Amino acid sequence: MADEPTENISGGADGGVDAEFEAGEASTRAEAVVDVLGDLYWQKAYGGRDAFECLVRTVLSQNTSDVASQPAHDALMDRYGGGDLARTLADADRSELADVIRPAGLYNQKSRVITEVAAEIVDVFGGASAFDEFVTEGDADEVRTRLLEFRGVGPKTADCVLLFSGGRGGVFPVDTHVHRVARRLGLAPPDADHETVRERLEEAVPPEKCGFGHTATIQFGREYCTARKPACLDGPEACPLYDRCDRVGVDELDGSVVDPASTTEDASS
């Protein structure tokens, strides 16, 4: 297991909400899963990030890894940071921005999304500071709805902004790892889409545990419950969640692994 960072990288410079909690007696199986993950992983802090920078960072992370998106984010901030980032990027040359963020992949598409969102934020809110105030102080449902109105911003990106900038409790963003792990565990229907998984997890996990549940599930999905070879194929002792998992789509006898959704297709055929 990779070493944990020495500082709360999920919190911003202005602080964040500590994700400390006691396992205790879980009221749902999803909560019990998060409690187990609490013994495995460092509990980060949430909130405090600048909302527009957080939005940009999440757009850069779409369809790529942190290894690729982090250098792109750093390069973008080196080139365009220092003032009102939204105003600066709204006026940025798109081809130049695309070259700066090239390491993140899909750089032409992402540069268009970033410049268009930046321009809309300047037009609607007046700049990054007012947008940050809206995200951190506005009604969470209204903020999420508004974020989803931006072209190129989907549910996972909107929820990450609410969590990592707004520090909102009860927000459980669903990326590809969370989507896979939740369905494989049996915490959501095998054929559930990302939004259904989010709804199920937010209903079953206490608000103060959702943020940590998101980041810990991602880490668990990378280290144990990978798409092609989950740890359970090496035996019960190889996975810390073995006793709490339905292993939907995993056949331990022949070692085959399929997407959980295909199990419902097989049953109906």
Protein backbone atom coordinates (compact mmCIF):
# COMPACT_ATOMS: atom_id res chain seq x y z
CA MET A 1 0.00 0.00 0.00
CA ALA A 2 1.36 3.42 -0.95
CA ASP A 3 2.53 5.75 1.79
CA GLU A 4 0.01 8.38 2.79
CA PRO A 5 0.95 12.05 2.33
CA THR A 6 2.04 13.99 5.38
CA GLU A 7 -0.51 16.77 4.92
CA ASN A 8 -4.21 17.05 4.18
CA ILE A 9 -4.01 17.38 0.42
CA SER A 10 -7.80 17.29 0.10
CA GLY A 11 -8.18 20.43 2.18
CA GLY A 12 -7.35 23.89 0.91
CA ALA A 13 -4.93 26.47 2.26
CA ASP A 14 -7.72 28.01 4.30
CA GLY A 15 -8.49 24.77 6.07
CA GLY A 16 -11.24 22.26 5.68
CA VAL A 17 -13.55 19.98 7.56
CA ASP A 18 -11.77 17.19 9.44
CA ALA A 19 -12.98 13.76 8.39
CA GLU A 20 -12.42 12.21 11.78
CA PHE A 21 -15.09 9.81 13.00
CA GLU A 22 -15.42 6.75 15.17
CA ALA A 23 -16.41 3.45 13.63
CA GLY A 24 -18.87 2.46 16.34
CA GLU A 25 -21.97 0.47 15.42
CA ALA A 26 -22.78 0.99 11.73
CA SER A 27 -26.45 1.26 10.82
CA THR A 28 -26.00 0.15 7.20
CA ARG A 29 -23.63 -2.15 5.34
CA ALA A 30 -22.33 0.80 3.33
CA GLU A 31 -21.43 2.62 6.53
CA ALA A 32 -19.72 -0.51 7.84
CA VAL A 33 -17.64 -0.63 4.65
CA VAL A 34 -16.54 2.99 5.12
CA ASP A 35 -15.66 2.21 8.73
CA VAL A 36 -13.39 -0.62 7.61
CA LEU A 37 -11.76 1.74 5.13
CA GLY A 38 -11.28 4.12 8.04
CA ASP A 39 -8.92 1.58 9.57
CA LEU A 40 -7.02 1.24 6.30
CA TYR A 41 -6.57 4.78 5.11
CA TRP A 42 -5.65 8.17 6.43
CA GLN A 43 -8.73 10.37 6.91
CA LYS A 44 -8.24 13.56 4.95
CA ALA A 45 -9.85 16.99 5.35
CA TYR A 46 -12.39 18.41 2.94
CA GLY A 47 -13.26 21.94 1.90
CA GLY A 48 -11.16 25.07 1.65
CA ARG A 49 -10.06 24.81 -1.97
CA ASP A 50 -10.71 27.72 -4.30
CA ALA A 51 -13.90 26.74 -6.12
CA PHE A 52 -12.89 27.66 -9.66
CA GLU A 53 -9.41 26.14 -9.36
CA CYS A 54 -11.05 23.02 -7.93
CA LEU A 55 -13.39 22.94 -10.92
CA VAL A 56 -10.48 23.29 -13.33
CA ARG A 57 -8.51 20.61 -11.49
CA THR A 58 -11.43 18.19 -11.70
CA VAL A 59 -11.97 18.86 -15.41
CA LEU A 60 -8.30 18.08 -16.00
CA SER A 61 -8.71 14.78 -14.12
CA GLN A 62 -11.54 13.56 -16.35
CA ASN A 63 -10.70 10.32 -18.18
CA THR A 64 -7.13 10.27 -16.94
CA SER A 65 -5.04 9.49 -13.88
CA ASP A 66 -3.70 11.80 -11.18
CA VAL A 67 -0.23 11.03 -12.48
CA ALA A 68 -1.17 12.70 -15.77
CA SER A 69 -3.53 15.43 -14.55
CA GLN A 70 -1.44 16.78 -11.68
CA PRO A 71 1.44 18.02 -13.92
CA ALA A 72 -1.14 19.62 -16.21
CA HIS A 73 -2.72 21.43 -13.26
CA ASP A 74 0.67 22.59 -11.99
CA ALA A 75 1.65 23.85 -15.44
CA LEU A 76 -1.66 25.68 -15.80
CA MET A 77 -1.25 27.43 -12.44
CA ASP A 78 2.37 28.35 -13.23
CA ARG A 79 1.29 29.91 -16.52
CA TYR A 80 -2.04 31.50 -15.57
CA GLY A 81 -2.17 31.74 -11.76
CA GLY A 82 -1.58 34.82 -9.67
CA GLY A 83 -4.74 36.83 -10.35
CA ASP A 84 -8.40 36.13 -10.92
CA LEU A 85 -8.01 32.71 -12.54
CA ALA A 86 -11.45 32.75 -14.12
CA ARG A 87 -10.84 36.10 -15.84
CA THR A 88 -7.37 35.04 -16.95
CA LEU A 89 -8.54 31.75 -18.45
CA ALA A 90 -11.59 33.35 -20.05
CA ASP A 91 -9.17 35.51 -22.06
CA ALA A 92 -6.58 32.79 -22.64
CA ASP A 93 -5.65 31.63 -26.13
CA ARG A 94 -7.26 28.21 -26.37
CA SER A 95 -4.51 26.59 -28.44
CA GLU A 96 -1.87 27.84 -26.01
CA LEU A 97 -3.87 26.54 -23.04
CA ALA A 98 -4.28 23.19 -24.79
CA ASP A 99 -0.52 22.92 -25.12
CA VAL A 100 -0.02 23.79 -21.44
CA ILE A 101 -2.41 21.08 -20.25
CA ARG A 102 -1.31 18.49 -22.82
CA PRO A 103 -0.17 15.95 -20.15
CA ALA A 104 -3.80 15.55 -19.00
CA GLY A 105 -4.90 14.13 -22.36
CA LEU A 106 -7.96 15.25 -24.36
CA TYR A 107 -6.32 18.66 -24.10
CA ASN A 108 -8.25 20.31 -26.95
CA GLN A 109 -11.58 19.27 -25.45
CA LYS A 110 -10.54 20.23 -21.91
CA SER A 111 -9.15 23.60 -22.98
CA ARG A 112 -12.48 24.40 -24.62
CA VAL A 113 -14.42 23.40 -21.50
CA ILE A 114 -12.14 25.41 -19.22
CA THR A 115 -12.22 28.61 -21.29
CA GLU A 116 -15.98 28.42 -21.86
CA VAL A 117 -16.72 27.77 -18.18
CA ALA A 118 -14.34 30.56 -17.18
CA ALA A 119 -16.09 33.00 -19.51
CA GLU A 120 -19.50 32.01 -18.17
CA ILE A 121 -18.34 32.43 -14.57
CA VAL A 122 -17.04 35.91 -15.36
CA ASP A 123 -20.28 36.78 -17.14
CA VAL A 124 -22.65 35.37 -14.48
CA PHE A 125 -20.70 35.84 -11.23
CA GLY A 126 -18.16 38.50 -12.10
CA GLY A 127 -15.11 36.35 -11.39
CA ALA A 128 -13.58 33.59 -9.33
CA SER A 129 -14.12 35.16 -5.89
CA ALA A 130 -17.89 35.57 -6.29
CA PHE A 131 -18.12 32.06 -7.74
CA ASP A 132 -16.24 30.71 -4.73
CA GLU A 133 -18.69 32.46 -2.39
CA PHE A 134 -21.62 30.94 -4.28
CA VAL A 135 -20.16 27.43 -4.03
CA THR A 136 -19.26 27.63 -0.36
CA GLU A 137 -22.30 29.52 0.94
CA GLY A 138 -25.13 28.79 -1.51
CA ASP A 139 -27.77 26.10 -1.13
CA ALA A 140 -26.06 22.80 -1.99
CA ASP A 141 -28.80 21.63 -4.36
CA GLU A 142 -28.83 24.96 -6.17
CA VAL A 143 -25.04 24.95 -6.45
CA ARG A 144 -25.03 21.43 -7.87
CA THR A 145 -27.76 22.29 -10.37
CA ARG A 146 -25.84 25.37 -11.52
CA LEU A 147 -22.58 23.47 -11.85
CA LEU A 148 -24.27 20.86 -14.02
CA GLU A 149 -25.42 23.63 -16.37
CA PHE A 150 -21.81 24.29 -17.39
CA ARG A 151 -20.95 22.53 -20.63
CA GLY A 152 -18.53 19.68 -19.93
CA VAL A 153 -19.31 19.47 -16.21
CA GLY A 154 -20.93 16.20 -15.16
CA PRO A 155 -22.19 14.90 -11.81
CA LYS A 156 -18.80 13.66 -10.58
CA THR A 157 -17.13 17.00 -11.33
CA ALA A 158 -19.95 18.95 -9.68
CA ASP A 159 -19.86 16.76 -6.58
CA CYS A 160 -16.08 17.08 -6.27
CA VAL A 161 -16.40 20.85 -6.28
CA LEU A 162 -19.08 20.66 -3.59
CA LEU A 163 -16.90 18.36 -1.49
CA PHE A 164 -13.38 19.69 -1.95
CA SER A 165 -14.25 23.38 -2.20
CA GLY A 166 -17.53 23.69 -0.34
CA GLY A 167 -16.69 21.06 2.28
CA ARG A 168 -20.30 19.87 2.09
CA GLY A 169 -21.33 16.88 4.16
CA GLY A 170 -23.39 14.14 2.55
CA VAL A 171 -21.67 14.43 -0.84
CA PHE A 172 -20.29 11.15 -2.21
CA PRO A 173 -18.83 11.73 -5.70
CA VAL A 174 -18.86 8.66 -7.93
CA ASP A 175 -16.00 8.05 -10.33
CA THR A 176 -15.22 4.85 -12.20
CA HIS A 177 -13.65 3.22 -9.12
CA VAL A 178 -16.56 4.03 -6.79
CA HIS A 179 -19.03 2.93 -9.46
CA ARG A 180 -17.31 -0.44 -9.85
CA VAL A 181 -16.61 -1.12 -6.16
CA ALA A 182 -20.09 -0.20 -4.91
CA ARG A 183 -21.78 -2.52 -7.41
CA ARG A 184 -19.29 -5.34 -6.89
CA LEU A 185 -19.77 -5.11 -3.13
CA GLY A 186 -23.54 -5.18 -3.55
CA LEU A 187 -24.09 -1.69 -2.14
CA ALA A 188 -25.96 -0.71 -5.32
CA PRO A 189 -27.75 -2.70 -8.03
CA PRO A 190 -25.40 -4.38 -10.53
CA ASP A 191 -26.76 -2.31 -13.42
CA ALA A 192 -26.93 1.00 -11.50
CA ASP A 193 -25.60 4.04 -13.32
CA HIS A 194 -23.33 6.59 -11.63
CA GLU A 195 -26.21 8.71 -10.34
CA THR A 196 -28.02 5.74 -8.84
CA VAL A 197 -24.84 4.63 -7.08
CA ARG A 198 -24.41 8.15 -5.70
CA GLU A 199 -27.98 8.23 -4.44
CA ARG A 200 -27.66 4.83 -2.75
CA LEU A 201 -24.39 5.73 -1.04
CA GLU A 202 -25.54 9.15 0.13
CA GLU A 203 -28.67 7.53 1.61
CA ALA A 204 -26.71 4.81 3.41
CA VAL A 205 -23.57 6.64 4.61
CA PRO A 206 -23.77 9.37 7.29
CA PRO A 207 -22.99 12.86 5.92
CA GLU A 208 -19.75 13.22 7.87
CA LYS A 209 -18.41 9.99 6.37
CA CYS A 210 -19.29 10.58 2.70
CA GLY A 211 -16.24 12.65 1.77
CA PHE A 212 -13.81 10.21 3.27
CA GLY A 213 -15.84 7.33 1.87
CA HIS A 214 -15.31 8.75 -1.62
CA THR A 215 -11.54 9.11 -1.44
CA ALA A 216 -11.05 5.87 0.49
CA THR A 217 -13.17 3.86 -1.95
CA ILE A 218 -11.08 5.20 -4.82
CA GLN A 219 -7.90 4.16 -3.05
CA PHE A 220 -9.38 0.76 -2.22
CA GLY A 221 -10.41 0.32 -5.86
CA ARG A 222 -6.88 1.08 -7.02
CA GLU A 223 -5.10 -1.12 -4.50
CA TYR A 224 -7.46 -4.05 -3.87
CA CYS A 225 -10.61 -4.06 -5.97
CA THR A 226 -9.16 -3.42 -9.43
CA ALA A 227 -11.24 -3.85 -12.55
CA ARG A 228 -9.47 -6.91 -13.95
CA LYS A 229 -7.95 -8.69 -10.95
CA PRO A 230 -9.55 -7.94 -7.59
CA ALA A 231 -7.61 -9.13 -4.53
CA CYS A 232 -10.31 -11.66 -3.59
CA LEU A 233 -9.06 -13.90 -6.40
CA ASP A 234 -5.99 -14.50 -4.24
CA GLY A 235 -8.15 -15.75 -1.39
CA PRO A 236 -10.30 -14.33 1.44
CA GLU A 237 -7.32 -13.11 3.43
CA ALA A 238 -6.14 -10.92 0.54
CA CYS A 239 -9.04 -8.47 0.75
CA PRO A 240 -9.99 -6.53 3.90
CA LEU A 241 -13.61 -6.28 2.73
CA TYR A 242 -14.03 -9.92 1.74
CA ASP A 243 -16.61 -10.68 4.45
CA ARG A 244 -18.69 -7.61 3.50
CA CYS A 245 -18.64 -8.14 -0.26
CA ASP A 246 -21.08 -9.93 -2.58
CA ARG A 247 -18.37 -10.18 -5.28
CA VAL A 248 -20.90 -9.45 -8.02
CA GLY A 249 -19.33 -10.35 -11.37
CA VAL A 250 -16.37 -12.15 -9.77
CA ASP A 251 -16.06 -15.93 -10.05
CA GLU A 252 -13.45 -17.12 -7.58
CA LEU A 253 -13.52 -20.67 -8.94
CA ASP A 254 -12.51 -19.97 -12.53
CA GLY A 255 -10.95 -16.55 -11.86
CA SER A 256 -13.20 -14.71 -14.30
CA VAL A 257 -14.18 -11.06 -13.72
CA VAL A 258 -16.94 -9.19 -15.55
CA ASP A 259 -18.66 -5.86 -15.07
CA PRO A 260 -21.45 -6.33 -12.49
CA ALA A 261 -24.01 -5.05 -15.01
CA SER A 262 -23.38 -8.06 -17.25
CA THR A 263 -24.69 -10.37 -14.50
CA THR A 264 -28.17 -8.91 -14.90
CA GLU A 265 -27.92 -9.31 -18.69
CA ASP A 266 -27.01 -12.96 -18.26
CA ALA A 267 -29.94 -13.52 -15.90
CA SER A 268 -32.43 -12.02 -18.35
CA SER A 269 -31.21 -13.93 -21.38
